[in-house]
């Protein structure tokens, strides 16, 4: 039961919260999605996925929402607390491999300061040449 409530905290559900992010959020666009971020002040980060009817039939809309929610679940431990993040997927996001979509998702979140940057443990070999 505790896992369910934790998972539910991860997602934006209230229309007032979604509208606030739409109105006041900072926009970042990629070829696969548009992302809006807004500081929430909460001790956790929430993610929302908005897909309009223009996207396509219900089957495709539901599929893209499932894919983006799964991306949020996979990276939930890396999200920096205190933000609301809203994704507007584009049709192209269903045509790319999951690895590429995940990479674009993480890169965009890092650029906006919502995802913890990985520590680069590799040695710098350029100085030894």
N, C-alpha and C. Protein backbone atom coordinates (compact mmCIF):
# COMPACT_ATOMS: atom_id res chain seq x y z
N UNK A 1 0.81 -1.18 0.00
CA UNK A 1 0.00 0.00 0.00
C UNK A 1 0.86 1.25 0.00
N UNK A 2 1.99 1.22 0.71
CA UNK A 2 2.86 2.38 0.76
C UNK A 2 3.46 2.65 -0.62
N UNK A 3 3.77 1.60 -1.38
CA UNK A 3 4.32 1.78 -2.72
C UNK A 3 3.33 2.46 -3.64
N UNK A 4 2.05 2.16 -3.48
CA UNK A 4 1.03 2.78 -4.31
C UNK A 4 0.96 4.27 -4.05
N UNK A 5 0.97 4.68 -2.79
CA UNK A 5 0.87 6.10 -2.48
C UNK A 5 2.12 6.84 -2.95
N UNK A 6 3.29 6.22 -2.84
CA UNK A 6 4.51 6.85 -3.31
C UNK A 6 4.46 7.03 -4.82
N UNK A 7 3.98 6.03 -5.53
CA UNK A 7 3.86 6.11 -6.99
C UNK A 7 2.86 7.20 -7.38
N UNK A 8 1.78 7.30 -6.64
CA UNK A 8 0.76 8.30 -6.94
C UNK A 8 1.28 9.71 -6.71
N UNK A 9 2.17 9.89 -5.74
CA UNK A 9 2.74 11.20 -5.48
C UNK A 9 3.60 11.68 -6.65
N UNK A 10 4.07 10.76 -7.44
CA UNK A 10 4.97 11.09 -8.55
C UNK A 10 4.25 11.83 -9.67
N UNK A 11 2.93 11.71 -9.78
CA UNK A 11 2.23 12.24 -10.94
C UNK A 11 1.32 13.41 -10.61
N UNK A 12 1.31 14.38 -11.51
CA UNK A 12 0.39 15.52 -11.42
C UNK A 12 -0.99 15.02 -11.83
N UNK A 13 -1.98 15.24 -10.99
CA UNK A 13 -3.33 14.76 -11.28
C UNK A 13 -4.37 15.87 -11.27
N UNK A 14 -4.18 16.86 -10.42
CA UNK A 14 -5.17 17.93 -10.29
C UNK A 14 -5.09 18.90 -11.47
N UNK A 15 -6.22 19.24 -12.05
CA UNK A 15 -6.22 20.15 -13.20
C UNK A 15 -5.70 21.54 -12.81
N UNK A 16 -5.91 21.97 -11.57
CA UNK A 16 -5.41 23.28 -11.13
C UNK A 16 -3.88 23.29 -11.14
N UNK A 17 -3.27 22.18 -10.72
CA UNK A 17 -1.81 22.08 -10.74
C UNK A 17 -1.28 22.07 -12.17
N UNK A 18 -1.94 21.34 -13.04
CA UNK A 18 -1.54 21.27 -14.44
C UNK A 18 -1.69 22.64 -15.09
N UNK A 19 -2.79 23.33 -14.81
CA UNK A 19 -3.00 24.67 -15.38
C UNK A 19 -1.94 25.65 -14.89
N UNK A 20 -1.53 25.55 -13.64
CA UNK A 20 -0.50 26.43 -13.10
C UNK A 20 0.82 26.23 -13.85
N UNK A 21 1.19 24.98 -14.08
CA UNK A 21 2.43 24.69 -14.81
C UNK A 21 2.32 25.19 -16.24
N UNK A 22 1.16 25.00 -16.88
CA UNK A 22 0.96 25.49 -18.25
C UNK A 22 1.12 27.00 -18.33
N UNK A 23 0.57 27.69 -17.35
CA UNK A 23 0.56 29.15 -17.37
C UNK A 23 1.91 29.75 -16.96
N UNK A 24 2.55 29.19 -15.93
CA UNK A 24 3.73 29.82 -15.34
C UNK A 24 5.04 29.08 -15.60
N UNK A 25 4.95 27.88 -16.19
CA UNK A 25 6.13 27.04 -16.34
C UNK A 25 7.10 27.51 -17.40
N UNK A 26 8.32 27.05 -17.25
CA UNK A 26 9.39 27.32 -18.21
C UNK A 26 9.36 26.24 -19.28
N UNK A 27 9.35 26.66 -20.54
CA UNK A 27 9.17 25.75 -21.68
C UNK A 27 10.51 25.33 -22.28
N UNK A 28 10.58 24.05 -22.64
CA UNK A 28 11.74 23.50 -23.34
C UNK A 28 11.20 22.52 -24.39
N UNK A 29 11.61 22.72 -25.65
CA UNK A 29 11.09 21.89 -26.74
C UNK A 29 12.17 21.01 -27.34
N UNK A 30 11.78 19.79 -27.66
CA UNK A 30 12.64 18.88 -28.40
C UNK A 30 11.83 18.36 -29.59
N UNK A 31 12.45 17.54 -30.42
CA UNK A 31 11.72 16.98 -31.55
C UNK A 31 10.72 15.91 -31.11
N UNK A 32 10.87 15.40 -29.87
CA UNK A 32 10.02 14.31 -29.38
C UNK A 32 8.94 14.77 -28.40
N UNK A 33 9.14 15.89 -27.75
CA UNK A 33 8.17 16.38 -26.77
C UNK A 33 8.46 17.83 -26.41
N UNK A 34 7.48 18.45 -25.78
CA UNK A 34 7.65 19.76 -25.16
C UNK A 34 7.53 19.53 -23.66
N UNK A 35 8.40 20.20 -22.91
CA UNK A 35 8.40 20.04 -21.46
C UNK A 35 8.26 21.39 -20.79
N UNK A 36 7.43 21.44 -19.76
CA UNK A 36 7.29 22.65 -18.95
C UNK A 36 7.67 22.30 -17.52
N UNK A 37 8.45 23.17 -16.87
CA UNK A 37 8.82 22.95 -15.48
C UNK A 37 8.45 24.17 -14.66
N UNK A 38 8.05 23.92 -13.42
CA UNK A 38 7.69 25.00 -12.51
C UNK A 38 8.02 24.57 -11.09
N UNK A 39 8.68 25.43 -10.31
CA UNK A 39 9.00 25.06 -8.93
C UNK A 39 7.73 24.94 -8.09
N UNK A 40 7.59 23.84 -7.38
CA UNK A 40 6.36 23.60 -6.61
C UNK A 40 6.55 23.85 -5.12
N UNK A 41 7.79 23.74 -4.65
CA UNK A 41 8.03 23.89 -3.22
C UNK A 41 7.68 22.66 -2.40
N UNK A 42 7.28 21.59 -3.04
CA UNK A 42 6.93 20.35 -2.36
C UNK A 42 8.20 19.52 -2.11
N UNK A 43 8.17 18.61 -1.17
CA UNK A 43 9.36 17.78 -0.90
C UNK A 43 9.54 16.63 -1.91
N UNK A 44 8.87 16.68 -3.03
CA UNK A 44 9.00 15.68 -4.08
C UNK A 44 8.69 16.36 -5.41
N UNK A 45 9.03 15.70 -6.50
CA UNK A 45 8.75 16.22 -7.84
C UNK A 45 7.62 15.42 -8.45
N UNK A 46 6.70 16.13 -9.10
CA UNK A 46 5.57 15.47 -9.76
C UNK A 46 5.70 15.65 -11.27
N UNK A 47 5.27 14.62 -11.99
CA UNK A 47 5.34 14.61 -13.45
C UNK A 47 3.95 14.41 -14.01
N UNK A 48 3.62 15.17 -15.05
CA UNK A 48 2.34 15.02 -15.72
C UNK A 48 2.54 14.85 -17.22
N UNK A 49 1.62 14.15 -17.85
CA UNK A 49 1.67 13.93 -19.30
C UNK A 49 0.33 14.38 -19.87
N UNK A 50 0.38 15.32 -20.82
CA UNK A 50 -0.83 15.85 -21.44
C UNK A 50 -0.81 15.49 -22.91
N UNK A 51 -1.85 14.80 -23.35
CA UNK A 51 -1.95 14.39 -24.75
C UNK A 51 -3.35 14.76 -25.24
N UNK A 52 -3.41 15.65 -26.21
CA UNK A 52 -4.70 16.08 -26.76
C UNK A 52 -5.21 15.14 -27.83
N UNK A 53 -6.45 15.33 -28.22
CA UNK A 53 -7.06 14.47 -29.23
C UNK A 53 -6.40 14.62 -30.60
N UNK A 54 -5.74 15.75 -30.82
CA UNK A 54 -5.03 15.95 -32.09
C UNK A 54 -3.91 14.95 -32.28
N UNK A 55 -3.43 14.37 -31.19
CA UNK A 55 -2.32 13.41 -31.24
C UNK A 55 -2.67 12.19 -32.08
N UNK A 56 -3.92 11.76 -31.98
CA UNK A 56 -4.35 10.58 -32.72
C UNK A 56 -5.44 9.84 -31.97
N UNK A 57 -5.74 8.62 -32.41
CA UNK A 57 -6.78 7.83 -31.75
C UNK A 57 -6.42 7.50 -30.30
N UNK A 58 -7.40 7.12 -29.53
CA UNK A 58 -7.23 6.85 -28.10
C UNK A 58 -6.14 5.81 -27.83
N UNK A 59 -6.02 4.82 -28.70
CA UNK A 59 -5.01 3.78 -28.49
C UNK A 59 -3.61 4.40 -28.48
N UNK A 60 -3.33 5.29 -29.41
CA UNK A 60 -2.02 5.94 -29.47
C UNK A 60 -1.83 6.92 -28.32
N UNK A 61 -2.88 7.66 -27.97
CA UNK A 61 -2.78 8.61 -26.85
C UNK A 61 -2.48 7.86 -25.55
N UNK A 62 -3.17 6.77 -25.32
CA UNK A 62 -2.95 5.99 -24.11
C UNK A 62 -1.56 5.36 -24.09
N UNK A 63 -1.11 4.89 -25.24
CA UNK A 63 0.22 4.28 -25.31
C UNK A 63 1.30 5.28 -24.97
N UNK A 64 1.24 6.48 -25.54
CA UNK A 64 2.29 7.47 -25.28
C UNK A 64 2.25 7.92 -23.83
N UNK A 65 1.08 7.98 -23.23
CA UNK A 65 1.00 8.32 -21.80
C UNK A 65 1.65 7.24 -20.95
N UNK A 66 1.41 5.97 -21.31
CA UNK A 66 2.03 4.87 -20.57
C UNK A 66 3.55 4.92 -20.68
N UNK A 67 4.05 5.20 -21.88
CA UNK A 67 5.50 5.26 -22.10
C UNK A 67 6.12 6.38 -21.27
N UNK A 68 5.53 7.56 -21.28
CA UNK A 68 6.09 8.68 -20.54
C UNK A 68 5.97 8.49 -19.03
N UNK A 69 4.89 7.88 -18.58
CA UNK A 69 4.77 7.60 -17.15
C UNK A 69 5.82 6.58 -16.71
N UNK A 70 6.11 5.61 -17.57
CA UNK A 70 7.13 4.62 -17.25
C UNK A 70 8.52 5.28 -17.19
N UNK A 71 8.79 6.23 -18.08
CA UNK A 71 10.06 6.96 -18.01
C UNK A 71 10.18 7.67 -16.67
N UNK A 72 9.08 8.27 -16.22
CA UNK A 72 9.08 8.97 -14.92
C UNK A 72 9.35 7.98 -13.79
N UNK A 73 8.74 6.81 -13.84
CA UNK A 73 8.95 5.82 -12.78
C UNK A 73 10.40 5.35 -12.76
N UNK A 74 10.98 5.11 -13.95
CA UNK A 74 12.35 4.61 -14.03
C UNK A 74 13.35 5.61 -13.46
N UNK A 75 13.09 6.89 -13.61
CA UNK A 75 14.04 7.92 -13.17
C UNK A 75 13.59 8.65 -11.91
N UNK A 76 12.57 8.16 -11.24
CA UNK A 76 11.99 8.89 -10.11
C UNK A 76 12.99 9.17 -8.99
N UNK A 77 13.93 8.27 -8.76
CA UNK A 77 14.92 8.47 -7.70
C UNK A 77 15.94 9.54 -8.06
N UNK A 78 16.06 9.87 -9.35
CA UNK A 78 17.03 10.87 -9.80
C UNK A 78 16.44 12.27 -9.90
N UNK A 79 15.13 12.40 -9.71
CA UNK A 79 14.49 13.70 -9.83
C UNK A 79 14.80 14.57 -8.61
N UNK A 80 15.16 15.81 -8.86
CA UNK A 80 15.43 16.76 -7.79
C UNK A 80 14.09 17.23 -7.25
N UNK A 81 13.93 17.23 -5.94
CA UNK A 81 12.65 17.56 -5.34
C UNK A 81 12.25 19.02 -5.54
N UNK A 82 10.93 19.23 -5.47
CA UNK A 82 10.41 20.59 -5.50
C UNK A 82 10.01 21.14 -6.85
N UNK A 83 9.73 20.27 -7.82
CA UNK A 83 9.33 20.73 -9.15
C UNK A 83 8.08 20.02 -9.63
N UNK A 84 7.34 20.70 -10.47
CA UNK A 84 6.26 20.08 -11.24
C UNK A 84 6.72 20.10 -12.69
N UNK A 85 6.64 18.95 -13.35
CA UNK A 85 7.11 18.82 -14.73
C UNK A 85 5.95 18.30 -15.57
N UNK A 86 5.72 18.96 -16.69
CA UNK A 86 4.62 18.59 -17.56
C UNK A 86 5.17 18.28 -18.95
N UNK A 87 4.80 17.13 -19.50
CA UNK A 87 5.25 16.71 -20.83
C UNK A 87 4.08 16.73 -21.80
N UNK A 88 4.36 17.24 -23.01
CA UNK A 88 3.43 17.20 -24.12
C UNK A 88 4.12 16.40 -25.23
N UNK A 89 3.88 15.09 -25.30
CA UNK A 89 4.56 14.26 -26.30
C UNK A 89 4.15 14.64 -27.73
N UNK A 90 5.06 14.42 -28.65
CA UNK A 90 4.78 14.59 -30.08
C UNK A 90 4.63 13.21 -30.70
N UNK A 91 3.99 13.17 -31.84
CA UNK A 91 3.73 11.87 -32.50
C UNK A 91 5.01 11.08 -32.75
N UNK A 92 6.10 11.78 -33.04
CA UNK A 92 7.38 11.11 -33.32
C UNK A 92 7.87 10.27 -32.16
N UNK A 93 7.44 10.61 -30.94
CA UNK A 93 7.92 9.87 -29.76
C UNK A 93 7.50 8.40 -29.77
N UNK A 94 6.46 8.06 -30.52
CA UNK A 94 6.04 6.66 -30.63
C UNK A 94 6.84 5.90 -31.69
N UNK A 95 7.58 6.63 -32.53
CA UNK A 95 8.30 6.00 -33.63
C UNK A 95 9.78 5.79 -33.35
N UNK A 96 10.26 6.21 -32.17
CA UNK A 96 11.68 6.05 -31.86
C UNK A 96 11.85 4.93 -30.83
N UNK A 97 13.05 4.41 -30.77
CA UNK A 97 13.35 3.37 -29.79
C UNK A 97 13.27 3.95 -28.38
N UNK A 98 12.92 3.08 -27.45
CA UNK A 98 12.77 3.50 -26.06
C UNK A 98 14.07 4.12 -25.52
N UNK A 99 15.21 3.55 -25.90
CA UNK A 99 16.50 4.05 -25.40
C UNK A 99 16.73 5.49 -25.84
N UNK A 100 16.39 5.81 -27.09
CA UNK A 100 16.57 7.18 -27.58
C UNK A 100 15.63 8.15 -26.87
N UNK A 101 14.40 7.73 -26.67
CA UNK A 101 13.43 8.57 -25.97
C UNK A 101 13.87 8.80 -24.53
N UNK A 102 14.34 7.75 -23.87
CA UNK A 102 14.81 7.86 -22.49
C UNK A 102 16.00 8.80 -22.40
N UNK A 103 16.90 8.71 -23.36
CA UNK A 103 18.08 9.58 -23.39
C UNK A 103 17.67 11.05 -23.57
N UNK A 104 16.75 11.31 -24.49
CA UNK A 104 16.28 12.68 -24.73
C UNK A 104 15.55 13.21 -23.50
N UNK A 105 14.78 12.36 -22.85
CA UNK A 105 14.02 12.72 -21.66
C UNK A 105 14.97 13.15 -20.55
N UNK A 106 15.98 12.30 -20.30
CA UNK A 106 16.95 12.59 -19.24
C UNK A 106 17.78 13.83 -19.55
N UNK A 107 18.21 13.96 -20.79
CA UNK A 107 19.04 15.11 -21.18
C UNK A 107 18.28 16.42 -20.98
N UNK A 108 17.03 16.45 -21.36
CA UNK A 108 16.22 17.65 -21.23
C UNK A 108 15.97 17.99 -19.76
N UNK A 109 15.68 16.98 -18.95
CA UNK A 109 15.49 17.21 -17.52
C UNK A 109 16.77 17.72 -16.86
N UNK A 110 17.92 17.19 -17.27
CA UNK A 110 19.19 17.67 -16.72
C UNK A 110 19.43 19.12 -17.10
N UNK A 111 19.16 19.47 -18.35
CA UNK A 111 19.35 20.84 -18.80
C UNK A 111 18.51 21.83 -18.00
N UNK A 112 17.34 21.39 -17.60
CA UNK A 112 16.45 22.26 -16.83
C UNK A 112 16.71 22.18 -15.33
N UNK A 113 17.66 21.35 -14.92
CA UNK A 113 18.02 21.26 -13.51
C UNK A 113 17.05 20.48 -12.65
N UNK A 114 16.33 19.56 -13.26
CA UNK A 114 15.35 18.78 -12.52
C UNK A 114 15.84 17.35 -12.27
N UNK A 115 16.87 16.92 -12.99
CA UNK A 115 17.40 15.57 -12.85
C UNK A 115 18.84 15.65 -12.38
N UNK A 116 19.19 14.80 -11.44
CA UNK A 116 20.56 14.77 -10.93
C UNK A 116 21.49 14.35 -12.06
N UNK A 117 22.57 15.10 -12.23
CA UNK A 117 23.55 14.76 -13.26
C UNK A 117 24.41 13.60 -12.77
N UNK A 118 24.67 12.64 -13.66
CA UNK A 118 25.51 11.52 -13.24
C UNK A 118 26.95 11.98 -13.06
N UNK A 119 27.65 11.36 -12.14
CA UNK A 119 29.06 11.68 -11.92
C UNK A 119 29.85 10.98 -13.00
N UNK A 120 30.72 11.73 -13.65
CA UNK A 120 31.54 11.16 -14.71
C UNK A 120 32.81 10.59 -14.10
N UNK A 121 32.88 9.27 -13.98
CA UNK A 121 34.01 8.61 -13.34
C UNK A 121 35.14 8.30 -14.32
N UNK A 122 34.95 8.58 -15.58
CA UNK A 122 35.98 8.25 -16.56
C UNK A 122 37.20 9.14 -16.37
N UNK A 123 38.36 8.61 -16.67
CA UNK A 123 39.59 9.39 -16.58
C UNK A 123 39.71 10.28 -17.80
N UNK A 124 40.30 11.43 -17.62
CA UNK A 124 40.54 12.34 -18.73
C UNK A 124 41.85 11.92 -19.39
N UNK A 125 41.75 11.30 -20.55
CA UNK A 125 42.95 10.80 -21.24
C UNK A 125 43.55 11.84 -22.16
N UNK A 126 42.89 12.95 -22.38
CA UNK A 126 43.40 13.95 -23.31
C UNK A 126 44.67 14.60 -22.76
N UNK A 127 44.86 14.70 -21.45
CA UNK A 127 46.03 15.33 -20.85
C UNK A 127 47.26 14.43 -20.95
N UNK A 128 47.06 13.14 -21.07
CA UNK A 128 48.20 12.22 -21.11
C UNK A 128 48.81 12.08 -22.49
N UNK A 129 48.21 12.65 -23.48
CA UNK A 129 48.72 12.52 -24.87
C UNK A 129 49.71 13.57 -25.20
